[in-house]
Amino acid sequence: MMYEFTTDAPITEREALEQVAALGLDGLAFDDVHDEDEALHWHEFEGVTWVISGTGSFADEHGNVTQVQPGCRLRTPAGWLHRSLAGTQTRLVIGTNLPGEAWTSPINKDPADRPPALST
């Protein structure tokens, strides 16, 4: 399952939220802090995420590690397997194709529960 990762000039939280709105997505800003590696998981929504501040890293299902810093943008499909790694301390803006109130719990879903339709 492919994702798109790009690096550009840093943008502000407000600018990222404006881009979210322009894309017709639901957005929110939050701090993503991890002292330990997360378990591999997936989400039920498509997303576009901007790193506003801080640094960190994530790994995909194949163990490929990507470093992030302000200006990074990540576009992901629903069902994408990933995990944030220890030492990540970032402020993020995410835009999703589902509003937050429609997300089911848990938000971080077990790979064993990923529907076949989201596995390709």
N, C-alpha and C. Protein backbone atom coordinates (compact mmCIF):
# COMPACT_ATOMS: atom_id res chain seq x y z
N MET A 1 0.85 -1.17 0.00
CA MET A 1 0.00 0.00 0.00
C MET A 1 0.90 1.24 0.00
N MET A 2 0.68 2.11 -0.92
CA MET A 2 1.55 3.26 -1.12
C MET A 2 1.05 4.49 -0.36
N TYR A 3 2.01 5.28 0.05
CA TYR A 3 1.73 6.59 0.64
C TYR A 3 2.62 7.60 -0.06
N GLU A 4 2.30 8.87 0.08
CA GLU A 4 3.08 9.93 -0.55
C GLU A 4 3.70 10.79 0.53
N PHE A 5 5.02 10.93 0.49
CA PHE A 5 5.74 11.74 1.47
C PHE A 5 6.51 12.82 0.73
N THR A 6 6.29 14.08 1.12
CA THR A 6 6.99 15.19 0.50
C THR A 6 7.54 16.12 1.57
N THR A 7 8.57 16.86 1.19
CA THR A 7 9.15 17.87 2.08
C THR A 7 9.17 19.19 1.34
N ASP A 8 8.71 20.22 2.02
CA ASP A 8 8.65 21.56 1.45
C ASP A 8 9.01 22.54 2.56
N ALA A 9 8.85 23.81 2.30
CA ALA A 9 9.10 24.82 3.33
C ALA A 9 8.09 24.64 4.46
N PRO A 10 8.49 24.86 5.71
CA PRO A 10 7.55 24.77 6.83
C PRO A 10 6.37 25.73 6.64
N ILE A 11 5.22 25.32 7.15
CA ILE A 11 4.04 26.18 7.15
C ILE A 11 3.49 26.26 8.57
N THR A 12 2.65 27.25 8.80
CA THR A 12 2.04 27.42 10.11
C THR A 12 0.84 26.50 10.27
N GLU A 13 0.41 26.34 11.50
CA GLU A 13 -0.77 25.54 11.77
C GLU A 13 -1.98 26.12 11.03
N ARG A 14 -2.12 27.42 11.07
CA ARG A 14 -3.25 28.08 10.39
C ARG A 14 -3.20 27.80 8.89
N GLU A 15 -2.01 27.91 8.27
CA GLU A 15 -1.88 27.64 6.84
C GLU A 15 -2.24 26.19 6.51
N ALA A 16 -1.81 25.27 7.35
CA ALA A 16 -2.13 23.86 7.12
C ALA A 16 -3.64 23.61 7.23
N LEU A 17 -4.27 24.23 8.23
CA LEU A 17 -5.72 24.07 8.38
C LEU A 17 -6.47 24.69 7.21
N GLU A 18 -5.95 25.77 6.65
CA GLU A 18 -6.55 26.36 5.45
C GLU A 18 -6.42 25.40 4.26
N GLN A 19 -5.28 24.73 4.14
CA GLN A 19 -5.11 23.75 3.07
C GLN A 19 -6.05 22.57 3.25
N VAL A 20 -6.24 22.14 4.50
CA VAL A 20 -7.19 21.06 4.78
C VAL A 20 -8.58 21.46 4.28
N ALA A 21 -9.01 22.66 4.63
CA ALA A 21 -10.34 23.13 4.21
C ALA A 21 -10.43 23.22 2.69
N ALA A 22 -9.37 23.70 2.04
CA ALA A 22 -9.37 23.82 0.59
C ALA A 22 -9.48 22.45 -0.09
N LEU A 23 -8.98 21.42 0.56
CA LEU A 23 -9.07 20.05 0.04
C LEU A 23 -10.42 19.40 0.34
N GLY A 24 -11.26 20.10 1.12
CA GLY A 24 -12.57 19.56 1.48
C GLY A 24 -12.50 18.48 2.55
N LEU A 25 -11.44 18.51 3.36
CA LEU A 25 -11.26 17.51 4.41
C LEU A 25 -11.61 18.08 5.77
N ASP A 26 -11.83 17.21 6.74
CA ASP A 26 -12.01 17.61 8.14
C ASP A 26 -10.65 17.64 8.79
N GLY A 27 -10.36 18.71 9.54
CA GLY A 27 -9.02 18.86 10.08
C GLY A 27 -8.96 19.05 11.58
N LEU A 28 -7.79 18.72 12.11
CA LEU A 28 -7.50 19.00 13.51
C LEU A 28 -6.00 19.08 13.70
N ALA A 29 -5.61 19.81 14.73
CA ALA A 29 -4.19 19.94 15.10
C ALA A 29 -3.99 19.25 16.43
N PHE A 30 -2.86 18.57 16.59
CA PHE A 30 -2.58 17.88 17.85
C PHE A 30 -1.09 17.63 18.01
N ASP A 31 -0.69 17.35 19.25
CA ASP A 31 0.69 16.99 19.55
C ASP A 31 0.81 15.48 19.49
N ASP A 32 1.83 14.99 18.82
CA ASP A 32 2.09 13.56 18.68
C ASP A 32 3.42 13.28 19.36
N VAL A 33 3.37 12.70 20.56
CA VAL A 33 4.57 12.48 21.37
C VAL A 33 4.65 10.99 21.73
N HIS A 34 5.81 10.39 21.45
CA HIS A 34 5.99 8.97 21.72
C HIS A 34 7.32 8.71 22.40
N ASP A 35 7.25 8.18 23.62
CA ASP A 35 8.46 7.77 24.33
C ASP A 35 8.86 6.35 23.97
N GLU A 36 7.92 5.59 23.40
CA GLU A 36 8.14 4.20 22.98
C GLU A 36 7.60 4.04 21.56
N ASP A 37 8.11 3.04 20.85
CA ASP A 37 7.57 2.73 19.53
C ASP A 37 6.10 2.33 19.67
N GLU A 38 5.27 2.83 18.78
CA GLU A 38 3.88 2.40 18.72
C GLU A 38 3.81 1.00 18.11
N ALA A 39 2.72 0.32 18.37
CA ALA A 39 2.45 -0.94 17.67
C ALA A 39 2.01 -0.60 16.24
N LEU A 40 2.31 -1.48 15.32
CA LEU A 40 1.85 -1.32 13.95
C LEU A 40 0.33 -1.25 13.96
N HIS A 41 -0.23 -0.31 13.19
CA HIS A 41 -1.68 -0.13 13.18
C HIS A 41 -2.12 0.53 11.88
N TRP A 42 -3.43 0.69 11.73
CA TRP A 42 -4.02 1.35 10.57
C TRP A 42 -5.19 2.20 11.05
N HIS A 43 -5.67 3.09 10.16
CA HIS A 43 -6.83 3.93 10.44
C HIS A 43 -7.87 3.70 9.34
N GLU A 44 -9.12 3.97 9.67
CA GLU A 44 -10.21 3.77 8.73
C GLU A 44 -10.40 4.93 7.76
N PHE A 45 -9.62 5.97 7.89
CA PHE A 45 -9.76 7.17 7.07
C PHE A 45 -8.52 7.43 6.23
N GLU A 46 -8.73 8.13 5.12
CA GLU A 46 -7.63 8.66 4.32
C GLU A 46 -7.15 9.92 5.03
N GLY A 47 -5.88 10.24 4.90
CA GLY A 47 -5.39 11.43 5.58
C GLY A 47 -4.29 12.16 4.84
N VAL A 48 -4.22 13.46 5.14
CA VAL A 48 -3.10 14.29 4.72
C VAL A 48 -2.60 14.96 5.99
N THR A 49 -1.31 14.78 6.30
CA THR A 49 -0.75 15.27 7.56
C THR A 49 0.44 16.18 7.27
N TRP A 50 0.47 17.32 7.95
CA TRP A 50 1.59 18.26 7.88
C TRP A 50 2.29 18.29 9.23
N VAL A 51 3.62 18.27 9.22
CA VAL A 51 4.40 18.46 10.44
C VAL A 51 4.62 19.96 10.60
N ILE A 52 4.10 20.50 11.69
CA ILE A 52 4.18 21.94 11.95
C ILE A 52 5.44 22.27 12.74
N SER A 53 5.74 21.46 13.74
CA SER A 53 6.95 21.68 14.53
C SER A 53 7.43 20.36 15.12
N GLY A 54 8.68 20.35 15.58
CA GLY A 54 9.26 19.16 16.19
C GLY A 54 9.87 18.22 15.17
N THR A 55 10.31 17.08 15.68
CA THR A 55 10.92 16.07 14.83
C THR A 55 10.48 14.69 15.30
N GLY A 56 10.69 13.71 14.45
CA GLY A 56 10.37 12.34 14.82
C GLY A 56 10.55 11.42 13.64
N SER A 57 9.95 10.25 13.75
CA SER A 57 10.05 9.28 12.67
C SER A 57 8.89 8.29 12.75
N PHE A 58 8.61 7.67 11.61
CA PHE A 58 7.61 6.61 11.55
C PHE A 58 8.17 5.48 10.68
N ALA A 59 7.58 4.32 10.84
CA ALA A 59 7.94 3.16 10.03
C ALA A 59 6.69 2.63 9.35
N ASP A 60 6.84 2.17 8.12
CA ASP A 60 5.72 1.54 7.44
C ASP A 60 5.72 0.04 7.72
N GLU A 61 4.81 -0.67 7.11
CA GLU A 61 4.67 -2.11 7.39
C GLU A 61 5.88 -2.93 6.98
N HIS A 62 6.74 -2.38 6.12
CA HIS A 62 7.93 -3.09 5.67
C HIS A 62 9.16 -2.72 6.50
N GLY A 63 8.98 -1.85 7.50
CA GLY A 63 10.09 -1.43 8.34
C GLY A 63 10.87 -0.26 7.79
N ASN A 64 10.41 0.32 6.69
CA ASN A 64 11.07 1.50 6.14
C ASN A 64 10.83 2.67 7.08
N VAL A 65 11.91 3.30 7.54
CA VAL A 65 11.83 4.41 8.49
C VAL A 65 11.97 5.73 7.76
N THR A 66 11.09 6.67 8.09
CA THR A 66 11.12 8.01 7.51
C THR A 66 11.23 9.02 8.64
N GLN A 67 12.19 9.93 8.51
CA GLN A 67 12.37 11.02 9.48
C GLN A 67 11.46 12.17 9.08
N VAL A 68 10.87 12.85 10.08
CA VAL A 68 10.00 13.99 9.80
C VAL A 68 10.47 15.22 10.56
N GLN A 69 10.15 16.37 9.97
CA GLN A 69 10.48 17.68 10.55
C GLN A 69 9.49 18.68 9.96
N PRO A 70 9.49 19.92 10.41
CA PRO A 70 8.57 20.91 9.85
C PRO A 70 8.72 21.01 8.33
N GLY A 71 7.58 21.07 7.66
CA GLY A 71 7.55 21.13 6.21
C GLY A 71 7.24 19.80 5.55
N CYS A 72 7.28 18.73 6.31
CA CYS A 72 6.96 17.41 5.76
C CYS A 72 5.44 17.27 5.64
N ARG A 73 5.03 16.58 4.58
CA ARG A 73 3.62 16.27 4.37
C ARG A 73 3.49 14.81 3.97
N LEU A 74 2.48 14.17 4.52
CA LEU A 74 2.25 12.75 4.29
C LEU A 74 0.80 12.56 3.86
N ARG A 75 0.59 11.92 2.72
CA ARG A 75 -0.76 11.58 2.24
C ARG A 75 -0.89 10.07 2.31
N THR A 76 -1.92 9.59 3.02
CA THR A 76 -2.05 8.15 3.26
C THR A 76 -3.45 7.66 2.93
N PRO A 77 -3.55 6.44 2.42
CA PRO A 77 -4.85 5.84 2.18
C PRO A 77 -5.39 5.19 3.46
N ALA A 78 -6.68 5.00 3.52
CA ALA A 78 -7.28 4.22 4.60
C ALA A 78 -6.66 2.83 4.57
N GLY A 79 -6.37 2.29 5.76
CA GLY A 79 -5.82 0.94 5.85
C GLY A 79 -4.31 0.87 5.84
N TRP A 80 -3.63 1.99 5.65
CA TRP A 80 -2.15 2.00 5.58
C TRP A 80 -1.57 1.60 6.94
N LEU A 81 -0.69 0.59 6.94
CA LEU A 81 -0.05 0.11 8.17
C LEU A 81 1.20 0.94 8.47
N HIS A 82 1.29 1.42 9.70
CA HIS A 82 2.41 2.28 10.10
C HIS A 82 2.51 2.32 11.62
N ARG A 83 3.59 2.96 12.10
CA ARG A 83 3.74 3.20 13.53
C ARG A 83 4.70 4.37 13.74
N SER A 84 4.39 5.22 14.70
CA SER A 84 5.32 6.28 15.10
C SER A 84 6.38 5.65 15.98
N LEU A 85 7.59 6.18 15.91
CA LEU A 85 8.70 5.60 16.65
C LEU A 85 9.08 6.44 17.86
N ALA A 86 9.71 5.80 18.82
CA ALA A 86 10.15 6.46 20.06
C ALA A 86 10.98 7.69 19.72
N GLY A 87 10.76 8.75 20.49
CA GLY A 87 11.49 9.99 20.29
C GLY A 87 10.73 11.00 19.45
N THR A 88 9.60 10.60 18.91
CA THR A 88 8.79 11.52 18.11
C THR A 88 8.13 12.54 19.02
N GLN A 89 8.33 13.80 18.71
CA GLN A 89 7.70 14.90 19.44
C GLN A 89 7.36 15.97 18.40
N THR A 90 6.14 15.89 17.87
CA THR A 90 5.74 16.78 16.79
C THR A 90 4.39 17.41 17.07
N ARG A 91 4.17 18.54 16.42
CA ARG A 91 2.85 19.17 16.34
C ARG A 91 2.40 18.91 14.91
N LEU A 92 1.22 18.31 14.76
CA LEU A 92 0.71 17.91 13.46
C LEU A 92 -0.63 18.57 13.16
N VAL A 93 -0.90 18.74 11.88
CA VAL A 93 -2.24 19.05 11.39
C VAL A 93 -2.60 17.91 10.47
N ILE A 94 -3.78 17.31 10.70
CA ILE A 94 -4.24 16.23 9.84
C ILE A 94 -5.60 16.60 9.26
N GLY A 95 -5.75 16.27 8.00
CA GLY A 95 -7.04 16.38 7.34
C GLY A 95 -7.48 14.99 6.94
N THR A 96 -8.73 14.66 7.22
CA THR A 96 -9.22 13.31 6.90
C THR A 96 -10.52 13.39 6.10
N ASN A 97 -10.80 12.29 5.39
CA ASN A 97 -12.04 12.23 4.62
C ASN A 97 -13.24 11.86 5.48
N LEU A 98 -13.02 11.54 6.75
CA LEU A 98 -14.10 11.28 7.71
C LEU A 98 -13.99 12.27 8.86
N PRO A 99 -15.09 12.87 9.27
CA PRO A 99 -15.01 13.75 10.45
C PRO A 99 -14.68 12.93 11.69
N GLY A 100 -14.00 13.54 12.63
CA GLY A 100 -13.57 12.85 13.85
C GLY A 100 -14.68 12.12 14.58
N GLU A 101 -15.88 12.69 14.59
CA GLU A 101 -16.98 12.03 15.30
C GLU A 101 -17.44 10.75 14.61
N ALA A 102 -17.00 10.51 13.38
CA ALA A 102 -17.36 9.27 12.67
C ALA A 102 -16.30 8.18 12.84
N TRP A 103 -15.14 8.52 13.44
CA TRP A 103 -14.10 7.52 13.65
C TRP A 103 -14.58 6.51 14.68
N THR A 104 -14.28 5.24 14.46
CA THR A 104 -14.64 4.22 15.43
C THR A 104 -13.45 3.96 16.35
N SER A 105 -13.75 3.41 17.49
CA SER A 105 -12.73 3.14 18.50
C SER A 105 -12.33 1.67 18.43
N PRO A 106 -11.07 1.39 18.60
CA PRO A 106 -9.97 2.32 18.80
C PRO A 106 -9.58 2.98 17.48
N ILE A 107 -8.97 4.15 17.56
CA ILE A 107 -8.53 4.86 16.36
C ILE A 107 -7.39 4.08 15.71
N ASN A 108 -6.45 3.60 16.52
CA ASN A 108 -5.34 2.77 16.03
C ASN A 108 -5.82 1.33 16.00
N LYS A 109 -6.04 0.81 14.81
CA LYS A 109 -6.65 -0.51 14.65
C LYS A 109 -5.60 -1.60 14.42
N ASP A 110 -5.88 -2.77 14.95
CA ASP A 110 -4.99 -3.93 14.84
C ASP A 110 -4.88 -4.40 13.39
N PRO A 111 -3.67 -4.67 12.92
CA PRO A 111 -3.50 -5.16 11.54
C PRO A 111 -4.35 -6.40 11.23
N ALA A 112 -4.58 -7.25 12.21
CA ALA A 112 -5.37 -8.45 12.00
C ALA A 112 -6.83 -8.13 11.68
N ASP A 113 -7.28 -6.92 12.02
CA ASP A 113 -8.66 -6.52 11.79
C ASP A 113 -8.85 -5.70 10.52
N ARG A 114 -7.78 -5.55 9.73
CA ARG A 114 -7.90 -4.73 8.51
C ARG A 114 -8.68 -5.50 7.45
N PRO A 115 -9.74 -4.88 6.92
CA PRO A 115 -10.54 -5.56 5.89
C PRO A 115 -9.71 -5.80 4.62
N PRO A 116 -9.95 -6.90 3.93
CA PRO A 116 -9.21 -7.20 2.70
C PRO A 116 -9.26 -6.05 1.69
N ALA A 117 -10.36 -5.33 1.62
CA ALA A 117 -10.49 -4.23 0.66
C ALA A 117 -9.49 -3.11 0.93
N LEU A 118 -9.01 -2.99 2.18
CA LEU A 118 -8.05 -1.96 2.55
C LEU A 118 -6.62 -2.48 2.55
N SER A 119 -6.42 -3.71 2.13
CA SER A 119 -5.10 -4.33 2.17
C SER A 119 -4.32 -4.18 0.87
N THR A 120 -4.91 -3.59 -0.13
CA THR A 120 -4.24 -3.49 -1.44
C THR A 120 -3.65 -2.14 -1.68
